[in-house]
C-alpha atoms as a PDB file:
ATOM      1  CA  MET A   1       0.143  -0.012   0.346  1.00  0.00           C
ATOM      2  CA  GLN A   2       1.135   3.598  -0.641  1.00  0.00           C
ATOM      3  CA  ARG A   3       0.037   6.706   1.680  1.00  0.00           C
ATOM      4  CA  PHE A   4      -0.861   9.359  -0.344  1.00  0.00           C
ATOM      5  CA  ILE A   5      -2.639  11.295   1.884  1.00  0.00           C
ATOM      6  CA  ILE A   6      -1.868  12.443   5.290  1.00  0.00           C
ATOM      7  CA  GLU A   7      -4.345  15.120   7.732  1.00  0.00           C
ATOM      8  CA  MET A   8      -3.915  16.201  11.206  1.00  0.00           C
ATOM      9  CA  GLY A   9      -6.412  17.718  13.039  1.00  0.00           C
ATOM     10  CA  MET A  10      -7.423  18.820  16.669  1.00  0.00           C
ATOM     11  CA  GLY A  11     -10.747  18.452  18.363  1.00  0.00           C
ATOM     12  CA  ASN A  12     -11.735  19.155  22.138  1.00  0.00           C
ATOM     13  CA  ASP A  13     -14.580  18.050  24.700  1.00  0.00           C
ATOM     14  CA  LEU A  14     -14.212  21.561  27.267  1.00  0.00           C
ATOM     15  CA  TYR A  15     -16.704  19.255  29.809  1.00  0.00           C
ATOM     16  CA  GLY A  16     -18.023  16.221  29.789  1.00  0.00           C
ATOM     17  CA  ARG A  17     -14.245  14.684  29.824  1.00  0.00           C
ATOM     18  CA  ASP A  18     -15.337  12.710  26.268  1.00  0.00           C
ATOM     19  CA  TYR A  19     -12.611  11.133  25.004  1.00  0.00           C
ATOM     20  CA  THR A  20     -14.721   9.684  22.302  1.00  0.00           C
ATOM     21  CA  LYS A  21     -16.393  13.349  21.599  1.00  0.00           C
ATOM     22  CA  ALA A  22     -12.616  15.033  21.268  1.00  0.00           C
ATOM     23  CA  ALA A  23     -11.166  12.196  18.931  1.00  0.00           C
ATOM     24  CA  ALA A  24     -14.227  12.710  16.577  1.00  0.00           C
ATOM     25  CA  ARG A  25     -13.950  16.571  16.768  1.00  0.00           C
ATOM     26  CA  ALA A  26     -10.194  16.129  15.907  1.00  0.00           C
ATOM     27  CA  ILE A  27     -11.274  13.463  12.965  1.00  0.00           C
ATOM     28  CA  GLU A  28     -13.420  15.953  11.770  1.00  0.00           C
ATOM     29  CA  ASP A  29     -10.609  18.468  11.497  1.00  0.00           C
ATOM     30  CA  ALA A  30      -8.276  16.522   9.757  1.00  0.00           C
ATOM     31  CA  ILE A  31     -10.773  15.563   7.146  1.00  0.00           C
ATOM     32  CA  ARG A  32     -12.776  18.876   6.930  1.00  0.00           C
ATOM     33  CA  HIS A  33     -10.951  21.022   4.310  1.00  0.00           C
ATOM     34  CA  SER A  34     -10.242  17.547   1.925  1.00  0.00           C
ATOM     35  CA  SER A  35     -11.643  17.184  -1.265  1.00  0.00           C
ATOM     36  CA  ILE A  36     -10.195  14.402  -3.039  1.00  0.00           C
ATOM     37  CA  PRO A  37     -10.463  14.211  -6.644  1.00  0.00           C
ATOM     38  CA  LEU A  38      -8.124  11.705  -8.000  1.00  0.00           C
ATOM     39  CA  PHE A  39     -10.321   9.053  -7.499  1.00  0.00           C
ATOM     40  CA  GLU A  40     -12.648  10.518 -10.138  1.00  0.00           C
ATOM     41  CA  ALA A  41     -10.176  11.812 -12.080  1.00  0.00           C
ATOM     42  CA  LEU A  42      -8.553   8.002 -12.469  1.00  0.00           C
ATOM     43  CA  GLY A  43     -11.413   5.862 -12.239  1.00  0.00           C
ATOM     44  CA  ILE A  44     -10.768   4.781  -8.913  1.00  0.00           C
ATOM     45  CA  ASP A  45     -13.470   3.097  -7.043  1.00  0.00           C
ATOM     46  CA  HIS A  46     -13.332   4.423  -2.886  1.00  0.00           C
ATOM     47  CA  ALA A  47     -13.372   0.977  -2.037  1.00  0.00           C
ATOM     48  CA  ALA A  48      -9.952   0.322  -3.030  1.00  0.00           C
ATOM     49  CA  MET A  49      -8.807   3.248  -0.640  1.00  0.00           C
ATOM     50  CA  GLU A  50      -7.339   2.048   2.931  1.00  0.00           C
ATOM     51  CA  VAL A  51      -7.728   4.851   5.701  1.00  0.00           C
ATOM     52  CA  ARG A  52      -5.791   4.343   8.657  1.00  0.00           C
ATOM     53  CA  VAL A  53      -6.879   7.092  11.665  1.00  0.00           C
ATOM     54  CA  THR A  54      -4.496   7.260  15.140  1.00  0.00           C
ATOM     55  CA  VAL A  55      -5.915   9.240  17.562  1.00  0.00           C
ATOM     56  CA  GLY A  56      -3.963  10.664  20.523  1.00  0.00           C
ATOM     57  CA  VAL A  57      -5.814  11.239  24.017  1.00  0.00           C
ATOM     58  CA  GLN A  58      -4.453  10.592  27.239  1.00  0.00           C
ATOM     59  CA  VAL A  59      -6.459   7.741  28.145  1.00  0.00           C
ATOM     60  CA  PRO A  60      -6.511   5.657  25.466  1.00  0.00           C
ATOM     61  CA  GLY A  61      -8.832   2.585  26.854  1.00  0.00           C
ATOM     62  CA  GLU A  62     -11.861   5.277  26.750  1.00  0.00           C
ATOM     63  CA  VAL A  63     -12.045   5.780  23.396  1.00  0.00           C
ATOM     64  CA  ASP A  64     -14.876   4.799  21.129  1.00  0.00           C
ATOM     65  CA  CYS A  65     -12.801   3.284  18.308  1.00  0.00           C
ATOM     66  CA  ASP A  66     -15.537   1.502  16.419  1.00  0.00           C
ATOM     67  CA  ALA A  67     -18.187   4.913  16.954  1.00  0.00           C
ATOM     68  CA  LEU A  68     -15.562   6.775  14.877  1.00  0.00           C
ATOM     69  CA  ARG A  69     -15.092   4.213  12.750  1.00  0.00           C
ATOM     70  CA  ALA A  70     -18.802   4.127  11.777  1.00  0.00           C
ATOM     71  CA  GLY A  71     -18.266   8.414  11.171  1.00  0.00           C
ATOM     72  CA  LEU A  72     -15.664   7.947   8.418  1.00  0.00           C
ATOM     73  CA  PRO A  73     -17.775   7.090   5.017  1.00  0.00           C
ATOM     74  CA  ARG A  74     -15.130   5.859   2.501  1.00  0.00           C
ATOM     75  CA  GLY A  75     -12.797   2.824   2.326  1.00  0.00           C
ATOM     76  CA  GLU A  76     -11.654   0.283   4.263  1.00  0.00           C
ATOM     77  CA  VAL A  77     -11.221   2.052   7.752  1.00  0.00           C
ATOM     78  CA  SER A  78      -9.022   1.397  10.730  1.00  0.00           C
ATOM     79  CA  VAL A  79      -8.916   3.510  14.156  1.00  0.00           C
ATOM     80  CA  ARG A  80      -6.232   2.948  16.839  1.00  0.00           C
ATOM     81  CA  ALA A  81      -5.609   5.329  20.354  1.00  0.00           C
ATOM     82  CA  VAL A  82      -2.749   5.598  21.673  1.00  0.00           C
ATOM     83  CA  ARG A  83      -1.334   8.025  24.323  1.00  0.00           C
ATOM     84  CA  GLY A  84      -1.008  11.651  23.471  1.00  0.00           C
ATOM     85  CA  GLY A  85      -2.658  14.857  23.553  1.00  0.00           C
ATOM     86  CA  LEU A  86      -3.725  16.599  26.739  1.00  0.00           C
ATOM     87  CA  ASN A  87      -5.710  17.019  29.986  1.00  0.00           C
ATOM     88  CA  VAL A  88      -5.992  20.847  31.267  1.00  0.00           C
ATOM     89  CA  THR A  89      -7.163  21.265  34.371  1.00  0.00           C
ATOM     90  CA  ASN A  90      -9.095  24.687  35.108  1.00  0.00           C
ATOM     91  CA  PRO A  91      -7.282  25.649  38.587  1.00  0.00           C
ATOM     92  CA  ASP A  92     -10.865  27.471  39.827  1.00  0.00           C
ATOM     93  CA  SER A  93     -13.074  24.655  39.251  1.00  0.00           C
ATOM     94  CA  GLY A  94     -10.961  21.519  38.953  1.00  0.00           C
ATOM     95  CA  SER A  95     -12.780  20.404  35.193  1.00  0.00           C
ATOM     96  CA  ILE A  96     -10.981  19.430  32.786  1.00  0.00           C
ATOM     97  CA  THR A  97     -10.537  20.112  29.158  1.00  0.00           C
ATOM     98  CA  VAL A  98      -9.696  17.061  26.843  1.00  0.00           C
ATOM     99  CA  ILE A  99      -8.024  17.824  23.772  1.00  0.00           C
ATOM    100  CA  ALA A 100      -7.254  15.062  21.086  1.00  0.00           C
ATOM    101  CA  SER A 101      -4.827  15.064  17.907  1.00  0.00           C
ATOM    102  CA  ALA A 102      -5.274  12.858  15.304  1.00  0.00           C
ATOM    103  CA  ALA A 103      -3.825  11.522  11.725  1.00  0.00           C
ATOM    104  CA  VAL A 104      -5.584  10.101   9.082  1.00  0.00           C
ATOM    105  CA  GLU A 105      -4.056   8.486   6.319  1.00  0.00           C
ATOM    106  CA  ALA A 106      -4.577   7.343   3.353  1.00  0.00           C
ATOM    107  CA  PHE A 107      -3.403   4.578   1.696  1.00  0.00           C
ATOM    108  CA  LEU A 108      -4.124   3.068  -2.197  1.00  0.00           C
ATOM    109  CA  PRO A 109      -2.675  -0.240  -3.617  1.00  0.00           C
ATOM    110  CA  ALA A 110       1.099   1.001  -5.263  1.00  0.00           C
ATOM    111  CA  ASP A 111       0.270  -1.080  -8.483  1.00  0.00           C
ATOM    112  CA  LEU A 112      -3.094   0.808  -8.880  1.00  0.00           C
ATOM    113  CA  LEU A 113      -1.498   4.068  -8.421  1.00  0.00           C
ATOM    114  CA  ARG A 114       1.515   3.066 -10.707  1.00  0.00           C
ATOM    115  CA  ALA A 115      -1.113   1.836 -13.208  1.00  0.00           C
ATOM    116  CA  ALA A 116      -2.946   5.577 -13.321  1.00  0.00           C
ATOM    117  CA  GLY A 117       0.030   7.369 -13.598  1.00  0.00           C
ATOM    118  CA  GLY A 118       0.018   8.930 -10.222  1.00  0.00           C
ATOM    119  CA  GLY A 119       2.701   6.745  -8.076  1.00  0.00           C
ATOM    120  CA  ALA A 120       6.638   6.054  -8.380  1.00  0.00           C
END
């Protein structure tokens, strides 16, 4: 597989301490402005694409990776949560803001890209 896209994003949950919500917002931030005309231009089916998402949060075990995977519309999607991001404590109230980071990578078979004229 040949990576042809990587997008990065950041998201947060200000009051709920919801790691999945923060991760979903980070993924949305990463893909919000993406448009990939490559598929239509080269006649490639979106189903050929593999999408690998990595989200970083302070407590990876609290991320619902299946829910995040369901929110991505195209390709064969995998989501994994790793330790990263930030928890920021409000010194006045003690409430915690969760900040997540996300990397969204898209891959196509190298031979498909070569055949379409887009890879090495």
